[in-house]
Every structure is written in structure tokens, then in C-alpha cells.
Amino acid sequence: MKSDIHPDYHIVKVVMTDGTEYTTRTTWGKEGDVLQLDIDPTSHPAWTGGSQQLLDRAGRVSKFQKKFAGFLKA
């Protein structure tokens, strides 16, 4: 292997939005830095499912549901 081409892995502390902390190895920052998360799996709708509602504009959702109604039925 070539020398001096690999990133420097070190330990940092990660603080989630709810205050929980853990340590991990990373190439981010310097040894001992604290990574404060603004978004994490406990708070972001992509992981939690969110409460977003589908808006049916001009019947598009209804048209889609009607078109693919029997697609996955066995």
C-alpha cells in the first residue's frame, strides 16, 4: 500500500438533537471534537415518517391510485 494517502481516523463525540451522545471514529474534524447534529434519525421526517399529508391537486392522487389499484394484488 502507498503510505500517507489514507485519511486520519480519530475519535469524536456526536451529540444528537435529543441530547444523547456517543463516540465514533471519523475523518471529520480533529481528535476530541464534538459534532452537534441539527438533524438525526430521531427527529427527521425521512426516518420518523412525519405527518405530511398528500394534497390531491386536480385529482392527480386519485387518478394515480385508480390507475395502479390492482398492481400489487396477488
PDB file of N, CA and C in Angstrom:
ATOM      1  N   MET A   1       0.826  -1.190   0.000  1.00  0.00           N
ATOM      2  CA  MET A   1       0.000   0.000   0.000  1.00  0.00           C
ATOM      3  C   MET A   1       0.869   1.251   0.000  1.00  0.00           C
ATOM      4  N   LYS A   2       0.364   2.300  -0.597  1.00  0.00           N
ATOM      5  CA  LYS A   2       1.071   3.571  -0.580  1.00  0.00           C
ATOM      6  C   LYS A   2       0.964   4.187   0.806  1.00  0.00           C
ATOM      7  N   SER A   3       2.014   4.841   1.218  1.00  0.00           N
ATOM      8  CA  SER A   3       1.966   5.494   2.522  1.00  0.00           C
ATOM      9  C   SER A   3       1.445   6.919   2.375  1.00  0.00           C
ATOM     10  N   ASP A   4       0.889   7.447   3.441  1.00  0.00           N
ATOM     11  CA  ASP A   4       0.398   8.831   3.520  1.00  0.00           C
ATOM     12  C   ASP A   4      -0.731   9.177   2.555  1.00  0.00           C
ATOM     13  N   ILE A   5      -1.522   8.185   2.115  1.00  0.00           N
ATOM     14  CA  ILE A   5      -2.680   8.514   1.273  1.00  0.00           C
ATOM     15  C   ILE A   5      -3.994   8.230   1.991  1.00  0.00           C
ATOM     16  N   HIS A   6      -3.942   7.561   3.126  1.00  0.00           N
ATOM     17  CA  HIS A   6      -5.157   7.196   3.846  1.00  0.00           C
ATOM     18  C   HIS A   6      -5.567   8.308   4.803  1.00  0.00           C
ATOM     19  N   PRO A   7      -6.860   8.527   4.973  1.00  0.00           N
ATOM     20  CA  PRO A   7      -7.315   9.591   5.869  1.00  0.00           C
ATOM     21  C   PRO A   7      -6.983   9.261   7.328  1.00  0.00           C
ATOM     22  N   ASP A   8      -6.906  10.301   8.129  1.00  0.00           N
ATOM     23  CA  ASP A   8      -6.619  10.159   9.552  1.00  0.00           C
ATOM     24  C   ASP A   8      -7.917   9.919  10.315  1.00  0.00           C
ATOM     25  N   TYR A   9      -8.121   8.696  10.790  1.00  0.00           N
ATOM     26  CA  TYR A   9      -9.297   8.391  11.599  1.00  0.00           C
ATOM     27  C   TYR A   9      -8.997   8.707  13.052  1.00  0.00           C
ATOM     28  N   HIS A  10      -9.962   9.310  13.733  1.00  0.00           N
ATOM     29  CA  HIS A  10      -9.798   9.650  15.131  1.00  0.00           C
ATOM     30  C   HIS A  10     -11.160   9.597  15.813  1.00  0.00           C
ATOM     31  N   ILE A  11     -11.166   9.712  17.108  1.00  0.00           N
ATOM     32  CA  ILE A  11     -12.399   9.615  17.904  1.00  0.00           C
ATOM     33  C   ILE A  11     -13.008  11.007  18.086  1.00  0.00           C
ATOM     34  N   VAL A  12     -14.323  11.130  17.817  1.00  0.00           N
ATOM     35  CA  VAL A  12     -15.073  12.358  18.105  1.00  0.00           C
ATOM     36  C   VAL A  12     -16.344  11.978  18.848  1.00  0.00           C
ATOM     37  N   LYS A  13     -16.916  12.954  19.532  1.00  0.00           N
ATOM     38  CA  LYS A  13     -18.179  12.743  20.235  1.00  0.00           C
ATOM     39  C   LYS A  13     -19.306  13.331  19.395  1.00  0.00           C
ATOM     40  N   VAL A  14     -20.378  12.560  19.196  1.00  0.00           N
ATOM     41  CA  VAL A  14     -21.537  13.002  18.432  1.00  0.00           C
ATOM     42  C   VAL A  14     -22.679  13.241  19.413  1.00  0.00           C
ATOM     43  N   VAL A  15     -23.301  14.431  19.340  1.00  0.00           N
ATOM     44  CA  VAL A  15     -24.427  14.773  20.200  1.00  0.00           C
ATOM     45  C   VAL A  15     -25.667  14.893  19.330  1.00  0.00           C
ATOM     46  N   MET A  16     -26.660  14.031  19.602  1.00  0.00           N
ATOM     47  CA  MET A  16     -27.899  14.023  18.826  1.00  0.00           C
ATOM     48  C   MET A  16     -28.794  15.178  19.278  1.00  0.00           C
ATOM     49  N   THR A  17     -29.898  15.415  18.561  1.00  0.00           N
ATOM     50  CA  THR A  17     -30.791  16.531  18.880  1.00  0.00           C
ATOM     51  C   THR A  17     -31.484  16.360  20.223  1.00  0.00           C
ATOM     52  N   ASP A  18     -31.665  15.116  20.676  1.00  0.00           N
ATOM     53  CA  ASP A  18     -32.321  14.901  21.972  1.00  0.00           C
ATOM     54  C   ASP A  18     -31.319  14.896  23.126  1.00  0.00           C
ATOM     55  N   GLY A  19     -30.045  15.168  22.844  1.00  0.00           N
ATOM     56  CA  GLY A  19     -29.035  15.256  23.896  1.00  0.00           C
ATOM     57  C   GLY A  19     -28.230  13.990  24.125  1.00  0.00           C
ATOM     58  N   THR A  20     -28.635  12.870  23.533  1.00  0.00           N
ATOM     59  CA  THR A  20     -27.857  11.651  23.700  1.00  0.00           C
ATOM     60  C   THR A  20     -26.522  11.796  22.974  1.00  0.00           C
ATOM     61  N   GLU A  21     -25.510  11.143  23.525  1.00  0.00           N
ATOM     62  CA  GLU A  21     -24.170  11.257  22.977  1.00  0.00           C
ATOM     63  C   GLU A  21     -23.582   9.881  22.732  1.00  0.00           C
ATOM     64  N   TYR A  22     -22.710   9.793  21.767  1.00  0.00           N
ATOM     65  CA  TYR A  22     -21.914   8.598  21.567  1.00  0.00           C
ATOM     66  C   TYR A  22     -20.601   8.997  20.909  1.00  0.00           C
ATOM     67  N   THR A  23     -19.624   8.117  20.979  1.00  0.00           N
ATOM     68  CA  THR A  23     -18.345   8.375  20.336  1.00  0.00           C
ATOM     69  C   THR A  23     -18.210   7.468  19.125  1.00  0.00           C
ATOM     70  N   THR A  24     -17.513   7.961  18.127  1.00  0.00           N
ATOM     71  CA  THR A  24     -17.308   7.194  16.911  1.00  0.00           C
ATOM     72  C   THR A  24     -15.984   7.599  16.283  1.00  0.00           C
ATOM     73  N   ARG A  25     -15.509   6.765  15.386  1.00  0.00           N
ATOM     74  CA  ARG A  25     -14.305   7.079  14.619  1.00  0.00           C
ATOM     75  C   ARG A  25     -14.726   7.730  13.312  1.00  0.00           C
ATOM     76  N   THR A  26     -13.998   8.771  12.917  1.00  0.00           N
ATOM     77  CA  THR A  26     -14.353   9.505  11.711  1.00  0.00           C
ATOM     78  C   THR A  26     -13.150  10.251  11.167  1.00  0.00           C
ATOM     79  N   THR A  27     -13.288  10.801   9.973  1.00  0.00           N
ATOM     80  CA  THR A  27     -12.263  11.674   9.413  1.00  0.00           C
ATOM     81  C   THR A  27     -12.652  13.136   9.583  1.00  0.00           C
ATOM     82  N   TRP A  28     -13.858  13.397  10.123  1.00  0.00           N
ATOM     83  CA  TRP A  28     -14.348  14.755  10.326  1.00  0.00           C
ATOM     84  C   TRP A  28     -13.621  15.410  11.489  1.00  0.00           C
ATOM     85  N   GLY A  29     -13.267  16.654  11.366  1.00  0.00           N
ATOM     86  CA  GLY A  29     -12.702  17.426  12.467  1.00  0.00           C
ATOM     87  C   GLY A  29     -11.363  16.918  12.957  1.00  0.00           C
ATOM     88  N   LYS A  30     -11.125  17.185  14.266  1.00  0.00           N
ATOM     89  CA  LYS A  30      -9.887  16.768  14.903  1.00  0.00           C
ATOM     90  C   LYS A  30     -10.218  15.835  16.061  1.00  0.00           C
ATOM     91  N   GLU A  31      -9.217  15.169  16.579  1.00  0.00           N
ATOM     92  CA  GLU A  31      -9.366  14.297  17.737  1.00  0.00           C
ATOM     93  C   GLU A  31     -10.019  15.076  18.877  1.00  0.00           C
ATOM     94  N   GLY A  32     -11.107  14.521  19.443  1.00  0.00           N
ATOM     95  CA  GLY A  32     -11.765  15.135  20.591  1.00  0.00           C
ATOM     96  C   GLY A  32     -12.823  16.170  20.256  1.00  0.00           C
ATOM     97  N   ASP A  33     -13.039  16.502  18.990  1.00  0.00           N
ATOM     98  CA  ASP A  33     -14.080  17.469  18.611  1.00  0.00           C
ATOM     99  C   ASP A  33     -15.461  16.924  18.950  1.00  0.00           C
ATOM    100  N   VAL A  34     -16.440  17.826  19.056  1.00  0.00           N
ATOM    101  CA  VAL A  34     -17.828  17.451  19.315  1.00  0.00           C
ATOM    102  C   VAL A  34     -18.650  17.818  18.085  1.00  0.00           C
ATOM    103  N   LEU A  35     -19.356  16.831  17.518  1.00  0.00           N
ATOM    104  CA  LEU A  35     -20.219  17.046  16.360  1.00  0.00           C
ATOM    105  C   LEU A  35     -21.650  17.172  16.863  1.00  0.00           C
ATOM    106  N   GLN A  36     -22.205  18.387  16.819  1.00  0.00           N
ATOM    107  CA  GLN A  36     -23.563  18.661  17.281  1.00  0.00           C
ATOM    108  C   GLN A  36     -24.509  18.533  16.087  1.00  0.00           C
ATOM    109  N   LEU A  37     -25.405  17.544  16.114  1.00  0.00           N
ATOM    110  CA  LEU A  37     -26.309  17.314  14.993  1.00  0.00           C
ATOM    111  C   LEU A  37     -27.533  18.224  15.062  1.00  0.00           C
ATOM    112  N   ASP A  38     -27.933  18.777  13.925  1.00  0.00           N
ATOM    113  CA  ASP A  38     -29.172  19.551  13.821  1.00  0.00           C
ATOM    114  C   ASP A  38     -30.317  18.637  13.408  1.00  0.00           C
ATOM    115  N   ILE A  39     -30.003  17.599  12.643  1.00  0.00           N
ATOM    116  CA  ILE A  39     -30.995  16.648  12.162  1.00  0.00           C
ATOM    117  C   ILE A  39     -30.436  15.256  12.425  1.00  0.00           C
ATOM    118  N   ASP A  40     -31.264  14.371  12.943  1.00  0.00           N
ATOM    119  CA  ASP A  40     -30.829  12.996  13.161  1.00  0.00           C
ATOM    120  C   ASP A  40     -32.014  12.053  12.985  1.00  0.00           C
ATOM    121  N   PRO A  41     -31.777  10.755  12.998  1.00  0.00           N
ATOM    122  CA  PRO A  41     -32.859   9.791  12.751  1.00  0.00           C
ATOM    123  C   PRO A  41     -34.013   9.844  13.754  1.00  0.00           C
ATOM    124  N   THR A  42     -33.820  10.448  14.915  1.00  0.00           N
ATOM    125  CA  THR A  42     -34.915  10.531  15.883  1.00  0.00           C
ATOM    126  C   THR A  42     -35.815  11.735  15.643  1.00  0.00           C
ATOM    127  N   SER A  43     -35.375  12.692  14.798  1.00  0.00           N
ATOM    128  CA  SER A  43     -36.168  13.901  14.616  1.00  0.00           C
ATOM    129  C   SER A  43     -36.556  14.199  13.170  1.00  0.00           C
ATOM    130  N   HIS A  44     -35.917  13.590  12.198  1.00  0.00           N
ATOM    131  CA  HIS A  44     -36.164  13.950  10.807  1.00  0.00           C
ATOM    132  C   HIS A  44     -37.315  13.116  10.223  1.00  0.00           C
ATOM    133  N   PRO A  45     -38.243  13.735   9.498  1.00  0.00           N
ATOM    134  CA  PRO A  45     -39.387  13.018   8.935  1.00  0.00           C
ATOM    135  C   PRO A  45     -39.018  11.884   7.987  1.00  0.00           C
ATOM    136  N   ALA A  46     -37.837  11.935   7.374  1.00  0.00           N
ATOM    137  CA  ALA A  46     -37.442  10.853   6.479  1.00  0.00           C
ATOM    138  C   ALA A  46     -37.320   9.536   7.228  1.00  0.00           C
ATOM    139  N   TRP A  47     -36.956   9.594   8.519  1.00  0.00           N
ATOM    140  CA  TRP A  47     -36.831   8.380   9.322  1.00  0.00           C
ATOM    141  C   TRP A  47     -38.050   8.135  10.201  1.00  0.00           C
ATOM    142  N   THR A  48     -38.706   9.203  10.649  1.00  0.00           N
ATOM    143  CA  THR A  48     -39.818   9.043  11.586  1.00  0.00           C
ATOM    144  C   THR A  48     -41.159   8.867  10.890  1.00  0.00           C
ATOM    145  N   GLY A  49     -41.228   9.137   9.601  1.00  0.00           N
ATOM    146  CA  GLY A  49     -42.488   9.007   8.880  1.00  0.00           C
ATOM    147  C   GLY A  49     -43.203  10.323   8.734  1.00  0.00           C
ATOM    148  N   GLY A  50     -42.979  11.236   9.648  1.00  0.00           N
ATOM    149  CA  GLY A  50     -43.555  12.575   9.563  1.00  0.00           C
ATOM    150  C   GLY A  50     -45.062  12.575   9.591  1.00  0.00           C
ATOM    151  N   SER A  51     -45.628  13.743   9.453  1.00  0.00           N
ATOM    152  CA  SER A  51     -47.079  13.869   9.453  1.00  0.00           C
ATOM    153  C   SER A  51     -47.550  14.604   8.207  1.00  0.00           C
ATOM    154  N   GLN A  52     -46.773  14.510   7.144  1.00  0.00           N
ATOM    155  CA  GLN A  52     -47.115  15.196   5.907  1.00  0.00           C
ATOM    156  C   GLN A  52     -48.344  14.552   5.272  1.00  0.00           C
ATOM    157  N   GLN A  53     -49.229  15.373   4.771  1.00  0.00           N
ATOM    158  CA  GLN A  53     -50.442  14.918   4.116  1.00  0.00           C
ATOM    159  C   GLN A  53     -50.285  15.044   2.606  1.00  0.00           C
ATOM    160  N   LEU A  54     -50.833  14.095   1.876  1.00  0.00           N
ATOM    161  CA  LEU A  54     -50.841  14.197   0.423  1.00  0.00           C
ATOM    162  C   LEU A  54     -51.936  15.171  -0.004  1.00  0.00           C
ATOM    163  N   LEU A  55     -51.573  16.078  -0.871  1.00  0.00           N
ATOM    164  CA  LEU A  55     -52.555  17.010  -1.394  1.00  0.00           C
ATOM    165  C   LEU A  55     -53.012  16.508  -2.749  1.00  0.00           C
ATOM    166  N   ASP A  56     -54.308  16.380  -2.920  1.00  0.00           N
ATOM    167  CA  ASP A  56     -54.865  15.903  -4.180  1.00  0.00           C
ATOM    168  C   ASP A  56     -55.200  17.114  -5.037  1.00  0.00           C
ATOM    169  N   ARG A  57     -54.282  17.478  -5.892  1.00  0.00           N
ATOM    170  CA  ARG A  57     -54.484  18.643  -6.761  1.00  0.00           C
ATOM    171  C   ARG A  57     -55.037  18.161  -8.098  1.00  0.00           C
ATOM    172  N   ALA A  58     -56.208  18.585  -8.397  1.00  0.00           N
ATOM    173  CA  ALA A  58     -56.881  18.275  -9.655  1.00  0.00           C
ATOM    174  C   ALA A  58     -57.036  16.772  -9.859  1.00  0.00           C
ATOM    175  N   GLY A  59     -57.170  16.017  -8.783  1.00  0.00           N
ATOM    176  CA  GLY A  59     -57.432  14.591  -8.880  1.00  0.00           C
ATOM    177  C   GLY A  59     -56.232  13.744  -9.254  1.00  0.00           C
ATOM    178  N   ARG A  60     -55.011  14.282  -9.157  1.00  0.00           N
ATOM    179  CA  ARG A  60     -53.824  13.529  -9.572  1.00  0.00           C
ATOM    180  C   ARG A  60     -53.586  12.303  -8.700  1.00  0.00           C
ATOM    181  N   VAL A  61     -53.738  12.466  -7.392  1.00  0.00           N
ATOM    182  CA  VAL A  61     -53.535  11.326  -6.494  1.00  0.00           C
ATOM    183  C   VAL A  61     -54.610  10.282  -6.744  1.00  0.00           C
ATOM    184  N   SER A  62     -55.839  10.735  -6.905  1.00  0.00           N
ATOM    185  CA  SER A  62     -56.936   9.804  -7.179  1.00  0.00           C
ATOM    186  C   SER A  62     -56.714   9.078  -8.503  1.00  0.00           C
ATOM    187  N   LYS A  63     -56.263   9.803  -9.518  1.00  0.00           N
ATOM    188  CA  LYS A  63     -56.007   9.201 -10.824  1.00  0.00           C
ATOM    189  C   LYS A  63     -54.896   8.145 -10.714  1.00  0.00           C
ATOM    190  N   PHE A  64     -53.840   8.462  -9.961  1.00  0.00           N
ATOM    191  CA  PHE A  64     -52.744   7.522  -9.771  1.00  0.00           C
ATOM    192  C   PHE A  64     -53.222   6.267  -9.047  1.00  0.00           C
ATOM    193  N   GLN A  65     -53.983   6.466  -7.959  1.00  0.00           N
ATOM    194  CA  GLN A  65     -54.478   5.323  -7.189  1.00  0.00           C
ATOM    195  C   GLN A  65     -55.409   4.455  -8.026  1.00  0.00           C
ATOM    196  N   LYS A  66     -56.238   5.076  -8.864  1.00  0.00           N
ATOM    197  CA  LYS A  66     -57.147   4.315  -9.723  1.00  0.00           C
ATOM    198  C   LYS A  66     -56.353   3.540 -10.779  1.00  0.00           C
ATOM    199  N   LYS A  67     -55.339   4.156 -11.358  1.00  0.00           N
ATOM    200  CA  LYS A  67     -54.555   3.533 -12.405  1.00  0.00           C
ATOM    201  C   LYS A  67     -53.791   2.305 -11.895  1.00  0.00           C
ATOM    202  N   PHE A  68     -53.246   2.396 -10.674  1.00  0.00           N
ATOM    203  CA  PHE A  68     -52.427   1.325 -10.128  1.00  0.00           C
ATOM    204  C   PHE A  68     -53.113   0.561  -9.000  1.00  0.00           C
ATOM    205  N   ALA A  69     -54.422   0.568  -8.961  1.00  0.00           N
ATOM    206  CA  ALA A  69     -55.169  -0.069  -7.869  1.00  0.00           C
ATOM    207  C   ALA A  69     -54.895  -1.560  -7.744  1.00  0.00           C
ATOM    208  N   GLY A  70     -54.829  -2.299  -8.828  1.00  0.00           N
ATOM    209  CA  GLY A  70     -54.641  -3.739  -8.752  1.00  0.00           C
ATOM    210  C   GLY A  70     -53.208  -4.198  -9.002  1.00  0.00           C
ATOM    211  N   PHE A  71     -52.277  -3.272  -9.003  1.00  0.00           N
ATOM    212  CA  PHE A  71     -50.900  -3.602  -9.381  1.00  0.00           C
ATOM    213  C   PHE A  71     -50.221  -4.623  -8.469  1.00  0.00           C
ATOM    214  N   LEU A  72     -50.342  -4.493  -7.164  1.00  0.00           N
ATOM    215  CA  LEU A  72     -49.662  -5.382  -6.242  1.00  0.00           C
ATOM    216  C   LEU A  72     -50.556  -6.451  -5.635  1.00  0.00           C
ATOM    217  N   LYS A  73     -51.782  -6.548  -6.062  1.00  0.00           N
ATOM    218  CA  LYS A  73     -52.678  -7.563  -5.509  1.00  0.00           C
ATOM    219  C   LYS A  73     -52.325  -8.926  -6.076  1.00  0.00           C
ATOM    220  N   ALA A  74     -52.333  -9.905  -5.192  1.00  0.00           N
ATOM    221  CA  ALA A  74     -51.967 -11.270  -5.612  1.00  0.00           C
ATOM    222  C   ALA A  74     -53.106 -11.991  -6.277  1.00  0.00           C
TER     223      ALA A  74
END
